[in-house]
Every structure is written in C-alpha cells, then in structure tokens.
Protein backbone atom coordinates (compact mmCIF):
# COMPACT_ATOMS: atom_id res chain seq x y z
CA MET A 1 7.82 -17.38 29.92
CA ALA A 2 4.32 -17.21 28.39
CA ASP A 3 1.86 -19.82 27.19
CA PHE A 4 -0.20 -19.51 24.01
CA PHE A 5 -3.18 -21.36 22.60
CA VAL A 6 -2.70 -22.02 18.87
CA ILE A 7 -5.72 -22.76 16.65
CA ARG A 8 -5.25 -23.94 13.06
CA LEU A 9 -8.25 -23.21 10.84
CA GLY A 10 -9.41 -25.50 8.04
CA GLU A 11 -9.65 -24.61 4.37
CA ARG A 12 -13.45 -24.34 4.33
CA ALA A 13 -15.85 -22.43 6.54
CA GLY A 14 -17.20 -24.72 9.24
CA ALA A 15 -14.44 -27.31 8.73
CA PRO A 16 -12.93 -28.90 11.87
CA VAL A 17 -10.05 -27.02 13.47
CA GLU A 18 -6.99 -28.19 15.39
CA TRP A 19 -5.55 -26.68 18.56
CA VAL A 20 -2.71 -27.07 21.02
CA ALA A 21 -1.28 -25.12 23.96
CA VAL A 22 2.44 -24.26 23.76
CA GLY A 23 4.98 -22.13 25.56
CA ASP A 24 7.17 -19.53 23.92
CA ASP A 25 10.12 -21.75 24.87
CA GLY A 26 8.95 -24.37 22.36
CA THR A 27 7.40 -26.75 24.92
CA LEU A 28 3.99 -28.33 24.33
CA ARG A 29 1.55 -27.80 27.20
CA GLY A 30 -0.69 -30.67 26.15
CA ALA A 31 -1.60 -32.99 23.32
CA PRO A 32 -3.07 -31.59 20.08
CA ALA A 33 -6.84 -31.86 19.69
CA ALA A 34 -9.42 -31.31 16.98
CA GLY A 35 -13.06 -30.30 16.88
CA THR A 36 -15.26 -27.29 16.24
CA LEU A 37 -14.16 -23.69 16.62
CA ALA A 38 -16.52 -23.27 19.58
CA GLU A 39 -14.85 -26.25 21.30
CA ALA A 40 -11.44 -24.71 20.65
CA ALA A 41 -12.61 -21.42 22.19
CA ALA A 42 -13.79 -23.26 25.31
CA ALA A 43 -10.47 -25.13 25.57
CA ALA A 44 -8.39 -21.93 25.34
CA GLY A 45 -9.07 -21.20 29.01
CA GLY A 46 -8.11 -17.52 28.84
CA LEU A 47 -4.72 -18.04 27.15
CA PRO A 48 -3.67 -15.61 24.40
CA VAL A 49 -4.80 -17.11 21.10
CA ILE A 50 -2.71 -17.35 17.95
CA VAL A 51 -4.71 -18.37 14.88
CA LEU A 52 -3.05 -20.12 11.93
CA VAL A 53 -4.89 -19.55 8.65
CA PRO A 54 -4.45 -21.62 5.45
CA GLY A 55 -1.19 -20.78 3.71
CA THR A 56 -2.81 -21.34 0.31
CA GLU A 57 -4.82 -18.15 0.92
CA VAL A 58 -1.84 -15.91 1.76
CA LEU A 59 0.98 -14.71 -0.50
CA THR A 60 4.30 -13.63 1.01
CA ALA A 61 6.22 -11.03 -1.04
CA PHE A 62 9.22 -8.79 -0.43
CA THR A 63 9.74 -5.06 -1.02
CA ALA A 64 12.43 -2.52 -0.15
CA ILE A 65 10.40 0.66 0.37
CA PRO A 66 11.80 2.61 3.37
CA ALA A 67 8.53 4.07 4.68
CA LYS A 68 7.18 3.32 8.15
CA GLY A 69 3.85 3.40 9.99
CA ALA A 70 0.80 4.77 8.20
CA ARG A 71 2.85 5.83 5.16
CA LEU A 72 4.12 2.27 4.77
CA MET A 73 0.59 0.82 4.92
CA ALA A 74 -0.54 3.31 2.27
CA ALA A 75 2.44 2.62 -0.02
CA LEU A 76 2.47 -1.20 0.08
CA PRO A 77 -0.37 -1.81 -2.44
CA TYR A 78 1.33 0.34 -5.08
CA ALA A 79 4.80 -1.09 -4.40
CA LEU A 80 3.57 -4.66 -4.91
CA GLU A 81 0.72 -4.33 -7.42
CA ASP A 82 2.93 -5.48 -10.33
CA GLN A 83 3.34 -8.86 -8.58
CA LEU A 84 -0.39 -9.38 -8.06
CA ALA A 85 -3.17 -10.58 -10.32
CA ASP A 86 -6.02 -9.21 -8.20
CA ASP A 87 -7.05 -5.58 -7.72
CA VAL A 88 -5.12 -4.12 -4.76
CA ASP A 89 -8.35 -2.61 -3.43
CA ASN A 90 -9.56 -6.17 -2.75
CA LEU A 91 -6.41 -7.14 -0.83
CA HIS A 92 -5.08 -6.66 2.70
CA PHE A 93 -1.35 -6.01 3.19
CA ALA A 94 0.46 -6.82 6.45
CA PRO A 95 4.18 -6.01 6.77
CA GLY A 96 6.53 -8.13 8.83
CA LYS A 97 9.88 -7.40 10.46
CA ARG A 98 12.38 -5.71 8.16
CA GLU A 99 15.42 -7.83 7.25
CA ASP A 100 18.99 -6.71 8.00
CA ASP A 101 19.49 -5.86 4.32
CA GLY A 102 16.44 -3.56 4.32
CA ARG A 103 14.01 -5.93 2.58
CA LEU A 104 10.53 -6.07 4.06
CA PRO A 105 8.40 -9.25 3.98
CA VAL A 106 4.71 -8.60 3.35
CA ALA A 107 1.78 -11.00 3.74
CA ILE A 108 -1.05 -10.41 1.25
CA VAL A 109 -4.55 -11.85 1.60
CA ALA A 110 -8.00 -11.14 0.17
CA ARG A 111 -10.04 -8.83 2.38
CA SER A 112 -13.04 -11.12 1.94
CA ARG A 113 -11.10 -14.03 3.48
CA MET A 114 -9.93 -11.90 6.40
CA GLN A 115 -13.50 -10.87 7.07
CA GLU A 116 -14.71 -14.48 6.91
CA TRP A 117 -12.05 -15.68 9.35
CA LEU A 118 -12.58 -12.84 11.83
CA ALA A 119 -16.37 -13.22 11.66
CA ALA A 120 -16.13 -16.97 12.38
CA LEU A 121 -13.72 -16.35 15.27
CA ALA A 122 -15.94 -13.64 16.74
CA ALA A 123 -19.01 -15.87 16.48
CA ALA A 124 -17.17 -18.55 18.48
CA GLY A 125 -16.00 -16.04 21.08
CA VAL A 126 -12.33 -16.03 20.02
CA ALA A 127 -10.44 -12.72 20.15
CA PRO A 128 -7.06 -13.60 18.61
CA ALA A 129 -3.89 -11.85 19.68
CA ARG A 130 -2.31 -12.75 16.33
CA VAL A 131 -3.44 -14.22 13.01
CA VAL A 132 -0.53 -15.82 11.12
CA PRO A 133 -0.29 -17.78 7.82
CA GLU A 134 0.31 -21.42 8.73
CA ASN A 135 3.38 -21.75 6.50
CA HIS A 136 5.12 -19.06 8.57
CA GLY A 137 5.31 -21.76 11.23
CA LEU A 138 7.95 -23.42 9.06
CA ALA A 139 11.05 -21.58 10.25
CA ARG A 140 13.24 -19.85 7.68
CA ILE A 141 16.85 -20.99 8.20
CA PRO A 142 19.53 -19.15 6.19
CA ASN A 143 21.20 -21.27 3.48
CA THR A 144 18.80 -24.16 4.16
CA LEU A 145 15.83 -25.49 2.20
CA SER A 146 12.96 -26.17 4.61
CA LEU A 147 9.89 -28.24 3.71
CA LEU A 148 6.83 -29.58 5.51
CA ALA A 149 4.71 -32.23 3.78
CA THR A 150 1.18 -33.30 4.71
CA ALA A 151 -1.35 -35.44 2.89
CA ASP A 152 -2.68 -32.53 0.82
CA ARG A 153 0.00 -29.83 0.63
CA VAL A 154 3.66 -28.92 0.72
CA MET A 155 5.00 -25.88 2.60
CA PHE A 156 8.42 -24.66 1.55
CA ASN A 157 10.97 -21.87 2.00
CA ASP A 158 14.58 -21.54 0.87
CA GLY A 159 15.71 -19.51 3.89
CA GLY A 160 15.52 -16.35 1.76
CA ASP A 161 12.85 -14.76 -0.43
CA LEU A 162 11.20 -17.90 -1.82
CA GLU A 163 8.27 -19.13 0.24
CA PHE A 164 5.13 -20.95 -0.91
CA VAL A 165 2.39 -23.48 -0.20
CA ILE A 166 1.41 -25.87 -3.02
CA PRO A 167 -1.56 -28.24 -2.65
CA GLY A 168 -1.91 -31.57 -4.40
CA LEU A 169 1.77 -32.25 -5.16
CA SER A 170 4.41 -34.44 -3.57
CA PRO A 171 7.62 -32.90 -2.15
CA ALA A 172 9.76 -33.78 -5.21
CA GLU A 173 7.08 -32.53 -7.62
CA ALA A 174 6.67 -29.28 -5.71
CA LEU A 175 10.39 -28.51 -5.70
CA ALA A 176 10.79 -29.49 -9.36
CA THR A 177 7.84 -27.27 -10.38
CA THR A 178 9.35 -24.18 -8.79
CA GLY A 179 12.83 -24.71 -10.24
CA VAL A 180 14.52 -24.92 -6.85
CA LEU A 181 16.46 -28.05 -7.79
CA ASP A 182 17.75 -26.53 -11.04
CA ALA A 183 18.80 -23.34 -9.28
CA SER A 184 20.64 -25.33 -6.62
CA ALA A 185 22.58 -27.27 -9.24
CA ASP A 186 23.63 -24.22 -11.29
CA ASP A 187 24.38 -21.76 -8.46
CA PRO A 188 27.21 -22.67 -6.06
CA ALA A 189 25.81 -20.20 -3.51
CA ALA A 190 22.31 -21.74 -3.55
CA PRO A 191 21.27 -23.92 -0.57
CA ARG A 192 22.05 -27.60 -1.09
CA HIS A 193 20.67 -29.06 2.13
CA LEU A 194 16.97 -29.88 2.75
CA LEU A 195 15.45 -30.01 6.22
CA ALA A 196 12.11 -31.80 5.77
CA TYR A 197 9.21 -32.46 8.14
CA CYS A 198 6.61 -35.03 7.18
CA ASP A 199 3.30 -35.98 8.74
CA ALA A 200 3.88 -39.50 10.04
CA ALA A 201 0.46 -40.57 8.75
CA VAL A 202 1.66 -40.20 5.13
CA ALA A 203 5.37 -40.97 5.58
CA GLY A 204 5.17 -44.12 3.46
CA ASP A 205 3.68 -42.20 0.53
CA TYR A 206 6.75 -40.00 0.16
CA GLU A 207 9.63 -42.48 0.48
CA ARG A 208 10.30 -42.29 -3.27
CA ASP A 209 10.36 -38.47 -3.09
CA TRP A 210 13.03 -38.46 -0.38
CA ALA A 211 15.13 -40.87 -2.46
CA ILE A 212 14.88 -38.60 -5.53
CA LEU A 213 15.74 -35.49 -3.52
CA ARG A 214 18.77 -37.18 -1.94
CA GLN A 215 20.12 -37.70 -5.45
CA GLU A 216 19.57 -34.05 -6.38
CA LEU A 217 20.81 -32.38 -3.18
CA ASP A 218 23.84 -32.65 -0.93
CA GLY A 219 21.77 -33.71 2.07
CA VAL A 220 18.17 -34.46 3.05
CA ASP A 221 17.10 -34.77 6.70
CA VAL A 222 13.54 -36.07 7.15
CA ASN A 223 11.78 -35.64 10.51
CA LEU A 224 8.49 -37.48 11.08
CA LEU A 225 5.73 -35.58 12.90
CA GLY A 226 3.98 -38.22 14.99
CA GLU A 227 1.24 -35.82 16.19
CA GLY A 228 0.79 -34.11 12.86
CA PRO A 229 2.14 -30.76 11.64
CA LEU A 230 0.36 -28.49 14.18
CA PRO A 231 2.87 -28.84 17.07
CA ARG A 232 5.78 -28.03 14.71
CA LEU A 233 3.99 -24.95 13.37
CA ALA A 234 2.70 -23.87 16.79
CA VAL A 235 6.05 -23.80 18.60
CA THR A 236 7.52 -21.63 15.84
CA VAL A 237 4.79 -18.99 15.83
CA ALA A 238 4.63 -18.99 19.65
CA SER A 239 8.24 -17.79 19.65
CA GLY A 240 7.15 -14.68 17.74
CA THR A 241 7.92 -15.87 14.20
CA GLY A 242 5.51 -15.05 11.37
CA ILE A 243 3.68 -11.99 10.06
CA ASN A 244 0.64 -10.94 12.06
CA LEU A 245 -2.26 -10.21 9.69
CA LEU A 246 -4.01 -8.16 12.38
CA GLN A 247 -2.70 -4.83 11.15
CA GLY A 248 -4.22 -1.73 9.63
CA GLN A 249 -8.01 -1.69 9.72
CA TYR A 250 -8.16 -5.22 11.14
CA GLY A 251 -5.50 -4.74 13.78
CA ASP A 252 -6.97 -1.57 15.28
CA ARG A 253 -10.48 -2.94 15.62
CA THR A 254 -9.44 -6.38 16.85
CA ARG A 255 -6.92 -5.15 19.41
CA PHE A 256 -9.37 -2.53 20.68
CA ALA A 257 -12.12 -5.10 21.16
CA ALA A 258 -9.84 -7.60 22.89
CA THR A 259 -8.24 -5.01 25.17
CA PHE A 260 -11.32 -3.07 26.23
CA ARG A 261 -13.94 -5.81 26.46
CA PRO A 262 -13.36 -6.21 30.25
CA TRP A 263 -13.77 -2.45 30.66
CA ARG A 264 -16.92 -1.99 28.62
CA HIS A 265 -19.17 -1.25 31.64
CA ALA A 266 -16.76 1.36 32.99
CA ALA A 267 -16.51 2.84 29.48
CA MET A 268 -20.31 3.06 29.28
CA LEU A 269 -20.39 4.92 32.62
CA VAL A 270 -17.70 7.35 31.46
CA ALA A 271 -19.60 7.91 28.20
CA ALA A 272 -22.81 8.59 30.15
CA LEU A 273 -21.01 11.14 32.34
CA PHE A 274 -19.54 12.77 29.26
CA VAL A 275 -22.97 13.07 27.62
CA ALA A 276 -24.43 14.50 30.85
CA GLY A 277 -21.63 17.06 30.93
CA LEU A 278 -22.37 18.05 27.34
CA VAL A 279 -26.05 18.50 28.20
CA VAL A 280 -25.20 20.76 31.17
CA LYS A 281 -22.80 22.79 29.02
CA GLY A 282 -25.43 23.08 26.32
CA VAL A 283 -28.02 24.39 28.79
CA ASP A 284 -25.52 26.95 30.16
CA TYR A 285 -24.62 28.04 26.64
CA TYR A 286 -28.29 28.52 25.75
CA ARG A 287 -28.93 30.53 28.94
CA LEU A 288 -25.88 32.76 28.44
CA ASN A 289 -26.86 33.42 24.82
CA ASN A 290 -30.30 34.55 25.95
CA GLU A 291 -28.79 36.82 28.60
CA ARG A 292 -26.39 38.28 26.05
CA ASP A 293 -29.22 38.99 23.60
CA ALA A 294 -31.26 40.65 26.36
CA LEU A 295 -28.34 42.88 27.40
CA GLN A 296 -27.62 43.74 23.76
CA ALA A 297 -31.24 44.77 23.25
CA GLN A 298 -31.20 46.85 26.45
CA PHE A 299 -27.98 48.60 25.45
CA THR A 300 -29.29 49.31 21.94
CA SER A 301 -32.46 50.81 23.41
CA GLU A 302 -30.50 53.16 25.69
CA TYR A 303 -28.12 54.11 22.85
CA ARG A 304 -31.04 55.03 20.58
CA ARG A 305 -32.26 57.42 23.25
CA LEU A 306 -28.89 59.22 23.18
CA ARG A 307 -28.47 59.11 19.39
CA PRO A 308 -31.88 58.59 17.80
CA ASN A 309 -30.54 59.24 14.27
CA ASP A 310 -27.87 56.51 14.39
CA GLU A 311 -29.49 53.37 12.96
CA ARG A 312 -26.31 51.28 12.65
CA GLU A 313 -26.23 47.81 14.14
CA ILE A 314 -24.12 47.87 17.29
CA ALA A 315 -21.70 44.97 17.17
CA ASP A 316 -19.33 46.13 19.95
CA PRO A 317 -20.99 47.95 22.87
CA ALA A 318 -17.64 48.65 24.60
CA ALA A 319 -16.23 50.40 21.51
CA THR A 320 -19.47 52.33 21.13
CA ILE A 321 -19.22 53.59 24.74
CA ASP A 322 -15.62 54.72 24.11
CA SER A 323 -16.84 56.61 21.05
CA LEU A 324 -19.55 58.32 23.10
CA ARG A 325 -17.02 59.32 25.74
CA ARG A 326 -14.71 60.86 23.14
CA SER A 327 -17.56 62.78 21.56
CA ARG A 328 -18.41 64.27 24.96
CA GLY A 329 -14.84 65.41 25.66
CA ALA A 330 -13.74 62.38 27.69
CA ALA A 331 -11.18 61.14 25.20
CA ALA A 332 -8.26 62.43 27.26
CA ALA A 333 -9.13 59.91 29.95
CA GLY A 334 -9.04 57.00 27.48
CA PRO A 335 -6.04 55.17 26.12
CA GLN A 336 -3.82 56.74 23.49
CA VAL A 337 -5.01 55.93 19.96
CA PHE A 338 -2.59 57.43 17.46
CA LEU A 339 0.57 55.50 18.36
CA PRO A 340 -1.15 52.11 18.62
CA LEU A 341 -2.88 52.85 15.32
CA LEU A 342 0.45 53.61 13.61
CA GLN A 343 1.92 50.44 15.13
CA SER A 344 -0.93 48.38 13.66
CA LEU A 345 -0.34 50.04 10.25
CA ALA A 346 3.40 49.37 10.41
CA GLN A 347 2.89 45.69 11.23
CA ALA A 348 0.46 45.26 8.34
CA VAL A 349 2.75 46.97 5.82
CA ALA A 350 5.85 45.12 7.07
CA ALA A 351 4.22 41.82 6.10
CA SER A 352 4.56 42.82 2.42
CA GLU A 353 7.79 44.45 1.28
CA ALA A 354 6.13 45.50 -1.99
CA VAL A 355 3.76 47.99 -0.27
CA VAL A 356 4.93 51.61 0.03
CA VAL A 357 3.44 54.23 2.39
CA GLU A 358 3.43 57.61 0.59
CA ALA A 359 1.57 59.77 3.11
CA VAL A 360 -0.14 59.59 6.52
CA SER A 361 -2.58 62.12 8.03
CA TYR A 362 -4.43 62.00 11.36
CA ARG A 363 -7.52 63.88 12.43
CA ALA A 364 -10.17 63.29 15.11
CA GLY A 365 -9.20 59.68 15.70
CA VAL A 366 -9.04 58.82 11.98
CA VAL A 367 -5.86 58.11 9.98
CA ASP A 368 -5.81 58.52 6.21
CA VAL A 369 -3.01 56.61 4.50
CA ARG A 370 -1.88 56.71 0.87
CA LEU A 371 -0.49 53.33 -0.10
CA VAL A 372 1.11 52.04 -3.31
CA ALA A 373 0.81 48.28 -3.82
CA PRO A 374 1.61 45.87 -6.70
CA ASP A 375 -2.00 44.67 -6.92
CA ILE A 376 -5.43 44.80 -5.31
CA THR A 377 -4.89 41.42 -3.60
CA THR A 378 -1.85 42.67 -1.69
CA LEU A 379 -3.70 45.84 -0.78
CA ASP A 380 -6.64 43.83 0.54
CA GLU A 381 -4.24 41.72 2.68
CA VAL A 382 -2.95 44.92 4.31
CA VAL A 383 -6.50 46.08 5.06
CA GLN A 384 -7.44 42.69 6.51
CA SER A 385 -4.27 42.60 8.64
CA ILE A 386 -5.06 45.96 10.23
CA GLY A 387 -8.54 44.81 11.18
CA SER A 388 -7.43 41.39 12.45
CA SER A 389 -6.56 42.71 15.93
CA GLY A 390 -10.17 43.74 16.52
CA ARG A 391 -9.16 47.14 17.93
CA PHE A 392 -9.02 48.99 14.60
CA SER A 393 -10.98 48.81 11.39
CA ALA A 394 -9.62 49.71 7.97
CA SER A 395 -11.52 50.51 4.79
CA LEU A 396 -10.38 51.11 1.22
CA GLN A 397 -11.63 54.55 0.15
CA SER A 398 -10.22 54.66 -3.37
CA ALA A 399 -7.84 52.83 -5.69
CA ASP A 400 -6.56 53.34 -9.24
CA THR A 401 -3.91 51.59 -11.33
CA VAL A 402 -0.96 53.58 -12.70
CA ASN A 403 1.95 51.88 -14.49
CA ASP A 404 1.11 48.42 -13.10
CA ARG A 405 0.93 49.79 -9.54
CA VAL A 406 -2.17 50.46 -7.47
CA ASN A 407 -2.42 53.91 -5.82
CA SER A 408 -4.93 53.84 -2.99
CA ARG A 409 -6.30 55.66 0.03
CA VAL A 410 -7.06 53.66 3.14
CA GLN A 411 -8.88 55.00 6.18
CA ILE A 412 -8.20 53.56 9.64
CA ARG A 413 -10.13 54.17 12.85
CA GLU A 414 -10.97 52.47 16.10
CA ALA A 415 -13.46 49.63 15.71
CA GLY A 416 -16.98 50.77 16.48
CA SER A 417 -16.26 54.47 16.16
C-alpha cells in the first residue's frame, strides 16, 4: 500500500492550489488544505506527487490505431487532427490504457499550458510522478452517467467515450446542452442512471437541477462532498486511474530529473572521470600518430635508397616489402598468390550473376581477366569488391560496349605491388 500527495492546480497562474494526502486504497491520510504551490511542496514531505490540472484545458478523445511506443506517439496527431481546431504542432498527445475493444483514450493539451504548469511546479520544487486532468478523477463506470458539480463547472462522463468539463452551467443545463438526455430517451441501450457528486457548499443551488434530472432519467443518486471535490478526485487518481500527461518529450525529461536528482553528484564524478579518460586517450592517439608518421618517413627514406626512381607514395609498407622480396627472388618463401587471387575474383563475380568471365591469364603476380557485364556500374562493383579485402587491387584497363554489353579487361595484383 502506497501513499500519494495530490495537488490540484487552479485555473490561473499563481492562483491558490489545493492538496491532500491519500492512499492507493482510497483512504484519506489527512484533511484537505489550500494555499500556495510552495506551501503544497513543503507539505508533501517526500511523498510521490500527483498533480491534477484543470479539465477545461484538456480534451479526451478516442482512436483505434494499433501502433505502440514511439510509432504510436508519432501517429496520434495525424489520427486525431480532424477532431481538433488547433494546429497539431501546438498540441501534446498522451495516450492512456487501451480498452478491451481496442479503442485508445488520448488526452490532448496545448504545449504552452504543459510548459507553464511544469515551469511553475519546478519553481516550487515539485517533481510530479504524474500529471492528470482533474476530470479523470471522476471514475468512468460502464452503463452509468457520472457527474461532479462545483460552483463553477460540471465534470461528466457517460461510462464510455463521452467525457467533458463545462464551466458556467448547472448540471441539468450541461447535460441538456450535450444531448445526453435526448440520447438516453431514444436509445434503450443508453445509460439511464446518474451518479452525481456535488460540492456541499453549493448543494442548495442545484436542488432544482436534481429534480429535473430525476424526471428525465430512471434514477439519480446525489452524494454531497463535505470537504469539496478534491478528496473524491484524489482517491480515484491515486488508484492509478487517469491518463498521465508526462509522456513523450515531457515524460522523459521529468522522469529523468526526478529519478536522478539524488545521484547528481555521483553523475558529475562519473562524467569527470569519463572526460579525463577521453583526454588520456586523445594524448595517446596524438603520440601514436606522430610515431607512425616518423616510422613512415624513415621507411620511405630507406626505400628511396633501394629504388631511387620509384616516386610513388607508399601507403602499405608491408606490401611494399613483400614486393621487394619477390623482385629479389624471395617470392617462393612468401604465401601463395594465384589461388587466393582467383578466389577473390570468384567471390566478386558470384555477387552478380550477369557478369561473365571470358578469359583469365596470369603472369608475374598479375592476373588479366576479360569480363562481360551488362553495364559499367556492375563492372565497377566487381572491381570494388576485389579491392575490398585490402590484399588485392583491381583496375579497369579497357572497356567498350557491344550489343548492349560491356566487354572489358581488368587487371588484378597484390596491393602495393
């Protein structure tokens, strides 16, 4: 069993907030209180914080797209844009738990409002575990109309897809405006029972509404909330109900900050060690590069003494030494060349069934091959494939097109020779 600290934000920035501690078993851990956001943060006492944001700022819609994870987050704006008046680029989409029939509830809120709420919470030192629309604290009960009335708004859901918050109307006016009463009368399968919660402070103002609704529906149960609506909303969201708006770009950053704040000093030490390691590696890399350049220059100098007329750049000293040994009669002591060279040719040609080998000749470590290919591109792929191993190099000596086929001569030799 876990305890949570639930904070309900006001409509305007800087407006007083309400808070209460509850257990996930639906038990209040104290009386509700009100004050500033900083006072709420001090009263939290280390409990996980659930923040209720104004339901008038959040739209709940449904979709049936089957995607999950990152693909779902990317697809939601386009799946729901026909239901929205604002540009989807200005909105934040947070999916809830998928229903048994495959429908997915989605909470939609302006990014600017999310940023305002999170900035105010951060300034007060509050790192919320969840941010939930307040009307999601009114439980959705299948085949039941649920309503919560306060002095300035009505929260409603029909136990299915219809869910809204309407300010400035009475319960009967709100239900009449949305057509719920007409639908209930015409559709035998529509819910005919209303479970209503009413702030006790305004109970007398809505007596006429309850009388009207009792005439329209089969049953109306009214429950007075002596401590206001917050305890009713808090116990519902503490049980895990409601869509968490901290998803996507907001969820990653918020959860990371809340989880790793106690470890920030250790993380700074690890980062410092990592940077120090990079510096050491960089110094070693610089030193080894200098040593390599010095050895390359020394080798080139010695090679020029043996072959003063060879002005080629020496890219592979090991291959150059093998070439010198072969030229001085030491080739017999080296590895066989012809068979590995043919194997490299065969692998390159096998990659393209359209290439035909017409003739192969070998002399003094060099293979001349006549190839027929459908085009120059395929021929170039064969040449590149032969050279990809690094042991052999291939060069195109000639090519001409005859009857839409390319006849060519390719020369292959050991790299560096």
